[in-house]
């Protein structure tokens, strides 16, 4: 039987959250809204909040945001569909994003992505049958010094190869501990969403965990500060190795 959606007919209103879930989220929403002079400015973290509840932004979640912020569901939907960090369908505990932008791609990102698709048996923006991994290709992670880069729930895995990436997803699916190259320890996508909503990360050592930028980025920072540039590492054509320009 053809459903109303495929015929282009309006959907029924989204079902509300259960009363206890609504009350809990409303309390969290108040803490978010209190940070802003205008309540509608709280929409982005609010969407992360409802995403932390079910692992993606549901119609119920968008209706909740509209209700709390006195917006229309069309206004909320316009924002939720614009940003790729908001998932619109059920997804895995671990969002594995492979950078396929220019530098990562030529350094091996395209090969990693193709290998992972075959290894996991999923396509782009698809989730494994066990609900553990959602695979997607993503744009620049601003970590070009460490290309090719893979991110898991927005934590960095630098200088990856097809073999290291396959081992990493296998370990995640098996429940083994996987440590990012830099940054905080991994947590689930729902937990990540709650942190992105602005709530404290209470895991021991997570806030203190960090990682520095790569050498090329640091050279750029020194140049931006007006410091004397370093000697050239790669010499222009026509110059010998003994000619080091400033």
Foldseek 3Di string as FASTA:
>chain_A
DDDCVVVVHDDDQDDADPPVVLVVLLVVLVVQQVVDPQSVVLLVLQLLLCCLVQVARESNSLVSSCVSRVHDSVVSVVVLVPDPLGHYDQAAQKEKEWECPDLLVVVASVVLQVLCCVLQVHHAQDHHPVRHYGYHYDHDLPQSLFHRWMAILNAIAGVDHNVRSSVQVVCSVVVHFDQHPFAFGDGTNSVSSNVVSPDDDPDPPRVVTGDDHDPVVVQVVCVVVVHDHDWDPDDDPPDDPVDTDD
